[in-house]
Protein backbone atom coordinates (compact mmCIF):
# COMPACT_ATOMS: atom_id res chain seq x y z
CA MET A 1 34.05 40.55 22.33
CA SER A 2 31.09 41.74 24.42
CA THR A 3 27.89 39.79 24.59
CA ALA A 4 26.06 42.61 22.79
CA ALA A 5 28.47 42.40 19.85
CA LEU A 6 28.11 38.66 19.32
CA PRO A 7 26.55 37.63 16.00
CA ARG A 8 22.93 36.66 16.30
CA LEU A 9 21.38 33.56 14.84
CA PRO A 10 18.22 33.98 12.79
CA ALA A 11 15.20 33.97 15.08
CA ASP A 12 14.11 30.45 14.15
CA ALA A 13 17.64 29.06 14.61
CA ASP A 14 17.56 30.06 18.29
CA ASP A 15 13.98 28.82 18.74
CA LEU A 16 13.70 25.97 21.25
CA SER A 17 10.07 25.17 20.41
CA VAL A 18 10.93 21.74 18.94
CA TRP A 19 13.22 20.79 21.82
CA PRO A 20 12.12 18.84 24.91
CA SER A 21 10.16 21.10 27.23
CA SER A 22 12.85 20.72 29.91
CA THR A 23 15.48 22.36 27.67
CA THR A 24 17.14 25.40 29.23
CA ARG A 25 19.87 27.77 28.06
CA LEU A 26 23.11 27.78 30.05
CA PRO A 27 25.97 30.30 30.16
CA GLY A 28 28.57 29.91 27.46
CA GLY A 29 26.21 28.66 24.76
CA ASP A 30 25.38 25.27 26.30
CA LEU A 31 21.92 23.75 26.69
CA ALA A 32 20.61 21.44 29.38
CA VAL A 33 17.98 18.75 28.78
CA GLY A 34 16.37 17.13 31.79
CA GLY A 35 18.65 19.24 33.94
CA VAL A 36 21.82 17.75 32.41
CA PRO A 37 24.14 19.94 30.27
CA LEU A 38 24.57 18.51 26.78
CA THR A 39 28.33 19.10 26.92
CA GLU A 40 28.48 17.00 30.09
CA THR A 41 26.54 14.19 28.40
CA ALA A 42 28.89 14.25 25.41
CA ARG A 43 31.96 14.25 27.66
CA ARG A 44 30.70 11.41 29.82
CA PHE A 45 29.26 9.14 27.12
CA ASP A 46 31.25 10.29 24.04
CA THR A 47 29.63 10.97 20.66
CA PRO A 48 27.55 10.24 18.72
CA VAL A 49 25.02 9.77 21.49
CA TYR A 50 21.25 9.92 21.78
CA VAL A 51 19.78 11.79 24.75
CA LEU A 52 16.23 10.84 25.72
CA ASP A 53 14.23 13.02 28.11
CA GLU A 54 12.29 10.58 30.28
CA ALA A 55 9.90 13.22 31.63
CA GLU A 56 9.07 14.32 28.07
CA VAL A 57 8.25 10.75 27.03
CA ARG A 58 6.03 10.24 30.06
CA ALA A 59 4.29 13.60 29.58
CA ARG A 60 3.50 12.74 25.95
CA CYS A 61 2.07 9.38 27.02
CA ARG A 62 -0.18 11.17 29.49
CA THR A 63 -1.21 13.72 26.87
CA TYR A 64 -2.48 10.87 24.70
CA ARG A 65 -4.29 9.24 27.59
CA ASP A 66 -5.98 12.55 28.42
CA ALA A 67 -6.90 13.28 24.79
CA PHE A 68 -8.34 9.77 24.23
CA PRO A 69 -9.82 8.80 27.62
CA ASP A 70 -12.22 6.27 26.09
CA ALA A 71 -9.68 4.65 23.74
CA ASP A 72 -6.80 2.20 24.06
CA VAL A 73 -3.53 3.97 23.29
CA HIS A 74 -0.75 1.64 22.11
CA TYR A 75 2.80 2.93 21.73
CA ALA A 76 4.20 1.97 18.30
CA ALA A 77 7.42 0.22 19.30
CA LYS A 78 9.00 0.48 15.86
CA ALA A 79 9.66 4.18 16.52
CA PHE A 80 12.13 3.31 19.29
CA LEU A 81 12.20 0.52 21.83
CA CYS A 82 14.31 -0.48 24.79
CA ARG A 83 13.46 -1.94 28.18
CA ALA A 84 13.17 1.48 29.78
CA MET A 85 10.80 2.65 27.05
CA VAL A 86 8.66 -0.43 27.68
CA ARG A 87 8.51 0.36 31.40
CA TRP A 88 7.65 4.03 30.83
CA ALA A 89 4.80 3.15 28.46
CA ASP A 90 3.52 0.51 30.88
CA GLU A 91 3.60 2.83 33.89
CA GLU A 92 1.81 5.56 31.94
CA GLY A 93 -1.02 3.21 30.96
CA LEU A 94 -0.24 2.57 27.29
CA GLY A 95 -0.37 -0.70 25.42
CA LEU A 96 2.20 -1.69 22.79
CA ASP A 97 2.10 -2.17 19.04
CA VAL A 98 4.93 -4.41 17.78
CA CYS A 99 5.88 -5.80 14.39
CA SER A 100 8.43 -8.53 15.11
CA ALA A 101 9.32 -11.31 17.52
CA GLY A 102 12.27 -9.19 18.62
CA GLU A 103 10.10 -6.27 19.72
CA LEU A 104 7.53 -8.59 21.27
CA GLU A 105 9.99 -10.68 23.26
CA LEU A 106 11.92 -7.67 24.51
CA ALA A 107 8.69 -6.13 25.78
CA VAL A 108 7.57 -9.30 27.55
CA ALA A 109 11.06 -9.83 29.01
CA ALA A 110 10.80 -6.30 30.42
CA GLY A 111 7.60 -7.31 32.23
CA PHE A 112 4.93 -6.04 29.83
CA ASP A 113 1.62 -7.90 29.78
CA PRO A 114 1.40 -9.61 26.34
CA ARG A 115 -2.39 -9.33 26.41
CA ARG A 116 -1.95 -5.56 25.96
CA ILE A 117 0.21 -6.01 22.83
CA VAL A 118 -0.88 -5.92 19.19
CA LEU A 119 1.33 -7.68 16.60
CA HIS A 120 1.16 -6.54 13.01
CA GLY A 121 3.31 -6.68 9.88
CA ASN A 122 2.85 -7.38 6.19
CA ALA A 123 5.05 -10.50 6.21
CA LYS A 124 5.14 -12.18 9.59
CA SER A 125 7.80 -14.83 9.91
CA PRO A 126 7.22 -18.23 11.51
CA ARG A 127 9.19 -16.96 14.51
CA ASP A 128 6.95 -13.88 14.76
CA LEU A 129 3.80 -15.98 14.90
CA ASP A 130 5.34 -18.63 17.15
CA SER A 131 6.38 -15.98 19.69
CA ALA A 132 2.97 -14.30 19.52
CA LEU A 133 1.07 -17.51 20.21
CA ARG A 134 3.52 -18.85 22.79
CA LEU A 135 3.51 -15.61 24.77
CA GLY A 136 -0.23 -14.98 24.43
CA VAL A 137 -0.26 -11.72 22.51
CA GLY A 138 -3.54 -9.81 22.72
CA ARG A 139 -4.20 -9.23 19.01
CA ILE A 140 -2.63 -10.33 15.73
CA VAL A 141 -3.39 -8.10 12.75
CA ILE A 142 -3.92 -10.16 9.61
CA ASP A 143 -2.37 -8.42 6.62
CA SER A 144 -2.72 -10.92 3.77
CA PRO A 145 -5.00 -13.84 2.76
CA SER A 146 -2.22 -16.41 3.21
CA GLU A 147 -1.98 -15.62 6.92
CA ILE A 148 -5.50 -16.78 7.65
CA ALA A 149 -5.12 -20.55 7.16
CA ARG A 150 -1.52 -20.44 8.34
CA LEU A 151 -2.42 -18.77 11.62
CA ALA A 152 -5.46 -20.98 12.19
CA ALA A 153 -3.29 -24.09 11.74
CA LEU A 154 -0.73 -22.80 14.21
CA VAL A 155 -3.41 -22.01 16.79
CA GLY A 156 -4.68 -25.59 16.57
CA PRO A 157 -8.16 -27.08 17.00
CA LYS A 158 -8.34 -26.40 20.74
CA GLY A 159 -6.96 -22.86 20.67
CA ARG A 160 -8.40 -19.46 19.89
CA GLN A 161 -6.58 -16.27 18.94
CA LYS A 162 -8.02 -12.77 18.71
CA VAL A 163 -7.30 -11.12 15.36
CA MET A 164 -7.94 -7.93 13.44
CA VAL A 165 -7.76 -7.27 9.70
CA ARG A 166 -5.69 -4.45 8.26
CA VAL A 167 -7.86 -2.59 5.76
CA VAL A 168 -6.57 -0.27 3.04
CA PRO A 169 -9.21 2.48 2.70
CA GLY A 170 -7.85 4.15 -0.45
CA ILE A 171 -6.73 7.35 1.30
CA SER A 172 -3.50 9.13 0.35
CA ALA A 173 -1.84 10.74 3.38
CA GLY A 174 1.68 11.10 4.75
CA GLY A 175 4.73 13.30 4.63
CA HIS A 176 6.50 11.35 1.85
CA GLU A 177 5.41 8.83 -0.78
CA LYS A 178 7.45 6.11 0.96
CA ILE A 179 5.42 6.42 4.16
CA ARG A 180 1.93 6.54 2.65
CA THR A 181 0.22 3.25 3.44
CA GLY A 182 -3.48 4.00 2.97
CA THR A 183 -3.52 3.73 -0.82
CA ASP A 184 -4.01 0.74 -3.07
CA GLY A 185 -1.02 -0.69 -4.88
CA GLN A 186 1.38 -0.93 -1.93
CA LYS A 187 2.44 -3.81 0.29
CA PHE A 188 0.29 -3.27 3.36
CA GLY A 189 -3.18 -4.51 4.12
CA LEU A 190 -6.25 -5.68 2.23
CA SER A 191 -8.04 -3.37 -0.15
CA LEU A 192 -11.60 -2.14 0.19
CA THR A 193 -11.64 -1.25 -3.50
CA ASP A 194 -11.04 -4.70 -4.99
CA GLY A 195 -13.01 -6.64 -2.38
CA SER A 196 -10.02 -8.46 -0.87
CA ALA A 197 -10.77 -7.10 2.60
CA GLN A 198 -14.36 -8.36 2.47
CA HIS A 199 -13.23 -11.78 1.21
CA ALA A 200 -10.63 -12.10 4.00
CA LEU A 201 -13.18 -11.19 6.64
CA ALA A 202 -15.55 -13.89 5.43
CA ARG A 203 -12.76 -16.47 5.54
CA ILE A 204 -11.74 -15.50 9.08
CA LEU A 205 -15.30 -15.74 10.32
CA GLY A 206 -15.30 -19.31 9.03
CA GLN A 207 -12.27 -20.24 11.14
CA PRO A 208 -13.29 -21.26 14.68
CA GLN A 209 -9.67 -20.86 15.86
CA LEU A 210 -9.73 -17.15 15.02
CA GLU A 211 -11.82 -14.59 16.89
CA LEU A 212 -12.32 -11.48 14.76
CA THR A 213 -12.41 -8.49 17.12
CA GLY A 214 -12.18 -5.59 14.67
CA LEU A 215 -10.53 -3.73 11.84
CA HIS A 216 -7.13 -2.07 11.69
CA CYS A 217 -6.41 0.96 9.50
CA HIS A 218 -3.07 2.78 9.29
CA ILE A 219 -3.00 5.30 6.44
CA GLY A 220 0.56 6.64 6.67
CA SER A 221 3.10 8.55 8.73
CA GLN A 222 3.92 12.17 9.50
CA ILE A 223 0.32 13.25 8.84
CA THR A 224 -0.40 16.80 10.03
CA ALA A 225 -4.15 17.17 9.37
CA ALA A 226 -7.18 15.40 10.83
CA ARG A 227 -9.12 15.21 7.56
CA PRO A 228 -7.49 12.03 6.13
CA TYR A 229 -8.20 10.15 9.36
CA LEU A 230 -11.86 11.15 9.22
CA ALA A 231 -12.21 10.06 5.60
CA ALA A 232 -10.56 6.72 6.37
CA LEU A 233 -12.75 6.19 9.43
CA ARG A 234 -15.94 6.71 7.43
CA ARG A 235 -14.91 4.08 4.90
CA VAL A 236 -13.87 1.55 7.53
CA VAL A 237 -17.10 2.03 9.51
CA GLY A 238 -18.93 1.40 6.25
CA LEU A 239 -17.12 -1.94 6.00
CA MET A 240 -18.06 -2.77 9.59
CA ALA A 241 -21.69 -2.17 8.67
CA ARG A 242 -21.38 -4.53 5.69
CA VAL A 243 -19.89 -7.21 7.95
CA ARG A 244 -22.88 -6.88 10.24
CA ASP A 245 -25.37 -6.96 7.38
CA THR A 246 -23.70 -9.88 5.58
CA HIS A 247 -22.54 -12.05 8.48
CA GLY A 248 -24.59 -10.85 11.45
CA VAL A 249 -21.41 -9.93 13.35
CA THR A 250 -20.88 -6.59 15.08
CA LEU A 251 -17.17 -5.93 15.49
CA PRO A 252 -16.30 -4.39 18.86
CA GLU A 253 -12.93 -2.74 18.02
CA LEU A 254 -11.53 -0.25 15.51
CA ASP A 255 -7.81 0.52 15.38
CA MET A 256 -7.07 3.74 13.48
CA GLY A 257 -3.28 3.38 13.67
CA GLY A 258 -0.93 6.30 14.21
CA GLY A 259 1.31 8.37 11.94
CA HIS A 260 0.66 11.59 13.85
CA GLY A 261 2.94 14.28 12.43
CA ILE A 262 5.37 16.32 14.52
CA ALA A 263 7.50 19.41 13.84
CA TYR A 264 11.18 18.73 13.17
CA ARG A 265 12.07 22.41 12.74
CA PRO A 266 10.54 25.58 14.21
CA GLY A 267 7.55 26.56 12.11
CA ASP A 268 6.94 23.08 10.68
CA PRO A 269 3.31 21.92 10.76
CA ALA A 270 2.29 19.35 13.36
CA LEU A 271 -0.91 17.43 14.02
CA ASP A 272 -3.12 19.04 16.65
CA LEU A 273 -3.83 16.10 18.93
CA THR A 274 -6.74 17.73 20.74
CA THR A 275 -8.46 18.53 17.46
CA LEU A 276 -7.82 15.03 16.12
CA ALA A 277 -9.24 13.37 19.24
CA ARG A 278 -12.35 15.54 19.27
CA ARG A 279 -13.11 15.19 15.57
CA LEU A 280 -12.26 11.50 15.38
CA ARG A 281 -14.59 10.68 18.25
CA ALA A 282 -17.39 12.82 16.83
CA GLU A 283 -16.99 11.24 13.38
CA LEU A 284 -17.00 7.74 14.86
CA VAL A 285 -20.20 8.38 16.83
CA GLU A 286 -21.93 10.00 13.83
CA SER A 287 -20.85 7.37 11.30
CA CYS A 288 -21.97 4.55 13.58
CA ALA A 289 -25.31 6.27 14.20
CA VAL A 290 -25.93 6.57 10.46
CA ALA A 291 -25.03 2.90 9.97
CA GLY A 292 -26.99 1.75 13.02
CA LEU A 293 -23.84 0.32 14.62
CA THR A 294 -22.82 0.13 18.25
CA VAL A 295 -19.81 2.42 18.63
CA PRO A 296 -16.69 0.20 18.73
CA ARG A 297 -13.78 0.59 21.13
CA LEU A 298 -11.21 2.86 19.50
CA LEU A 299 -7.49 2.04 19.42
CA ILE A 300 -4.70 4.36 18.28
CA GLU A 301 -0.97 3.74 17.87
CA PRO A 302 1.26 6.81 18.28
CA GLY A 303 5.01 6.23 18.04
CA ARG A 304 6.90 9.16 16.58
CA ALA A 305 4.69 11.67 18.43
CA VAL A 306 5.65 10.09 21.76
CA ALA A 307 9.37 9.42 21.31
CA GLY A 308 10.50 11.83 18.58
CA PRO A 309 10.40 15.21 20.37
CA ALA A 310 11.95 13.66 23.51
CA GLY A 311 15.26 12.85 21.82
CA VAL A 312 18.38 14.86 21.00
CA ALA A 313 21.32 13.55 18.96
CA LEU A 314 24.80 14.83 19.79
CA TYR A 315 27.66 14.79 17.29
CA ARG A 316 31.26 15.95 17.37
CA VAL A 317 32.57 17.93 14.38
CA LEU A 318 35.43 16.12 12.64
CA ALA A 319 36.12 18.34 9.65
CA VAL A 320 35.10 21.63 8.02
CA LYS A 321 35.41 22.20 4.29
CA ASP A 322 34.53 24.95 1.82
CA THR A 323 34.19 23.65 -1.71
CA GLY A 324 32.17 24.60 -4.75
CA GLY A 325 30.91 27.69 -2.97
CA ARG A 326 29.37 25.62 -0.18
CA ALA A 327 30.32 25.07 3.46
CA PHE A 328 30.40 21.48 4.70
CA VAL A 329 30.66 20.35 8.30
CA ALA A 330 31.40 16.63 8.77
CA VAL A 331 30.44 14.92 12.04
CA ASP A 332 31.26 11.59 13.67
CA GLY A 333 27.90 9.99 12.82
CA GLY A 334 25.66 10.02 9.79
CA MET A 335 23.42 7.73 7.81
CA SER A 336 24.37 4.66 9.89
CA ASP A 337 22.64 6.19 12.92
CA ASN A 338 20.07 8.29 11.04
CA PRO A 339 19.15 7.17 7.51
CA ARG A 340 15.97 9.25 7.40
CA PRO A 341 17.32 12.28 5.47
CA ALA A 342 18.62 9.93 2.75
CA LEU A 343 15.41 7.86 2.72
CA TYR A 344 12.74 10.54 3.05
CA GLY A 345 14.44 13.90 2.63
CA VAL A 346 13.78 14.77 6.27
CA ARG A 347 15.09 18.18 7.35
CA TYR A 348 16.50 18.89 10.82
CA ALA A 349 17.67 21.99 12.68
CA PRO A 350 21.14 21.26 14.16
CA ARG A 351 22.59 23.70 16.65
CA LEU A 352 26.07 24.50 17.94
CA VAL A 353 26.24 23.93 21.71
CA GLY A 354 28.99 24.36 24.25
CA ARG A 355 30.39 27.73 23.20
CA ARG A 356 29.29 31.08 21.86
CA PRO A 357 30.20 31.73 18.22
CA ASP A 358 32.46 34.54 17.08
CA ALA A 359 31.27 34.68 13.47
CA ALA A 360 28.07 35.37 11.60
CA VAL A 361 25.90 32.51 10.48
CA ARG A 362 26.03 31.11 6.97
CA PRO A 363 24.25 28.32 5.09
CA THR A 364 26.02 25.10 6.04
CA THR A 365 25.49 21.47 5.08
CA VAL A 366 26.06 18.96 7.86
CA VAL A 367 27.27 15.64 6.49
CA GLY A 368 28.17 12.28 7.98
CA ARG A 369 31.33 10.23 7.90
CA HIS A 370 30.16 7.50 5.53
CA CYS A 371 31.26 6.76 1.98
CA GLU A 372 28.07 7.98 0.33
CA ALA A 373 27.40 11.33 -1.33
CA GLY A 374 23.88 11.05 0.08
CA ASP A 375 25.15 10.91 3.66
CA VAL A 376 23.71 14.34 4.51
CA LEU A 377 22.14 15.02 7.91
CA ALA A 378 21.04 18.62 7.27
CA ALA A 379 21.44 20.63 4.06
CA ASP A 380 21.85 24.42 3.95
CA VAL A 381 21.05 25.12 7.59
CA PRO A 382 22.10 28.33 9.38
CA LEU A 383 25.18 27.68 11.50
CA PRO A 384 27.96 29.99 12.71
CA GLY A 385 30.77 30.47 10.20
CA ASP A 386 33.47 29.69 12.75
CA ILE A 387 32.47 26.07 13.43
CA ARG A 388 35.63 24.02 13.82
CA PRO A 389 36.69 20.43 14.52
CA GLY A 390 35.90 19.46 18.09
CA ASP A 391 32.72 21.52 18.29
CA LEU A 392 29.52 19.87 19.47
CA LEU A 393 26.38 19.87 17.33
CA ALA A 394 22.98 18.96 18.77
CA VAL A 395 20.03 17.83 16.65
CA PRO A 396 16.57 17.95 18.30
CA VAL A 397 13.58 15.71 17.54
CA ALA A 398 15.87 12.69 17.37
CA GLY A 399 13.97 10.19 19.50
CA ALA A 400 12.15 8.21 16.79
CA TYR A 401 13.17 6.25 13.69
CA GLN A 402 16.86 7.00 14.06
CA LEU A 403 18.51 4.43 16.30
CA SER A 404 15.67 2.01 15.52
CA MET A 405 16.67 2.22 11.82
CA ALA A 406 20.42 2.33 12.43
CA SER A 407 22.68 0.05 10.40
CA GLY A 408 26.15 -1.45 10.55
CA TYR A 409 27.41 0.53 7.56
CA ASN A 410 31.21 0.96 7.57
CA LEU A 411 31.22 -1.01 10.85
CA VAL A 412 31.26 2.18 12.90
CA GLY A 413 28.94 0.80 15.62
CA ARG A 414 25.57 2.12 16.73
CA PRO A 415 25.44 4.96 19.29
CA PRO A 416 24.27 4.62 22.88
CA VAL A 417 21.04 5.98 24.36
CA VAL A 418 21.20 8.00 27.57
CA ALA A 419 18.14 8.93 29.64
CA VAL A 420 18.08 12.26 31.46
CA ARG A 421 15.76 13.35 34.23
CA ASP A 422 15.97 15.71 37.22
CA GLY A 423 19.64 16.45 36.65
CA GLU A 424 20.68 12.80 36.39
CA ALA A 425 21.86 10.88 33.33
CA ARG A 426 21.91 7.09 33.00
CA LEU A 427 22.78 4.71 30.21
CA LEU A 428 19.84 2.83 28.66
CA VAL A 429 21.48 1.24 25.62
CA ARG A 430 25.27 0.96 25.49
CA ARG A 431 27.39 1.83 22.48
CA GLU A 432 27.97 -0.97 19.99
CA SER A 433 31.72 -1.57 20.16
CA LEU A 434 34.17 -2.88 17.60
CA ASP A 435 34.43 -5.99 19.77
CA ASP A 436 30.66 -6.49 19.32
CA VAL A 437 31.05 -6.22 15.56
CA GLN A 438 33.98 -8.65 15.44
CA ARG A 439 32.35 -11.23 17.73
CA ARG A 440 29.46 -11.58 15.26
CA ASP A 441 31.88 -12.46 12.46
CA VAL A 442 32.49 -16.17 13.04
CA GLY A 443 33.63 -17.22 9.55
CA VAL A 444 37.18 -17.83 8.34
């Protein structure tokens, strides 16, 4: 069949706009990321495998630094973390936002300065707080009233720990109800509406072991418009003014969190970072002027927007089935390495790589290998009708909240992470083997 006679994918299915910027088309239907062909990565490291474009991660860190030159940018480690990611963030001038002793200790073990780390979480364990105080973490974000006395006791009479308070501003924003954290009636933070935030602030100011440096406000995830951030900022600045008026304390820091939305498929909306930075800064200056406040130091915490677009997941097709008038393609991964479609209904744009198709496209549902009807990676996506076992499928925008949320379901083992850059590929996180799984099982 001549090249001219080959079936064409719909325009958006061949769109590489959501792929890493280094992505290039190769002869025979393959793609290269970071100068490394995806088929070569799959052959060398097997599948499933996550490919992370180092240059893309670094470029996105620099984009944030350029957009917010007068702010502290902290990478949200929960999106994805490994020692290499820690080093990249450090070298590009970002701080870190962590939410467990595990994330904190990995970062410090990789050489990151703990003073540039913020620890948060709605239910910090004794180990979380012990690690934070022992290692000298820069800020601890207080999320509930019970943490105040507990933390002060752990700090001790001769110590002093910088803290912030997570405030719930009563703003609804986010791509799914399960990732909206700025509204009352959910587990995070202290409410402005019922006065719990104000009460907690007064208590903290009465604890000499705790140094209140500012307020923390994270309203949700996958937000694609600037307006909710501006509304939240106005309310939180209003609280800062009340703290000054009531207690005579001017807080020097304001952390507006992250949750910056990205496109998972061509044509999806995404947050315009330049617009957000410009409008957020202008709103902060104006709101503080109205309240007569000194403008605080701004902190932001991008995670998904740094790591997500830099990652590609590779899967091998195991089975193809037509049933009930639908086409199903089953791959060698699934909800154990990416639970997000099942949790949030996230939609991806998988692509056949490694060969040119010989059939027209048709709506196809890509499913995983696990014993759950909800183990669906991508429903009704356009894929060639001649997909067969052994083919390679690539899923872009796979760098955040996939491996970090991976599970041990069916004991299949978690995939490896491979970094690519300048034509070279290297292993960052090895595959979890069956030996690893069995060694953890010590009971008889």
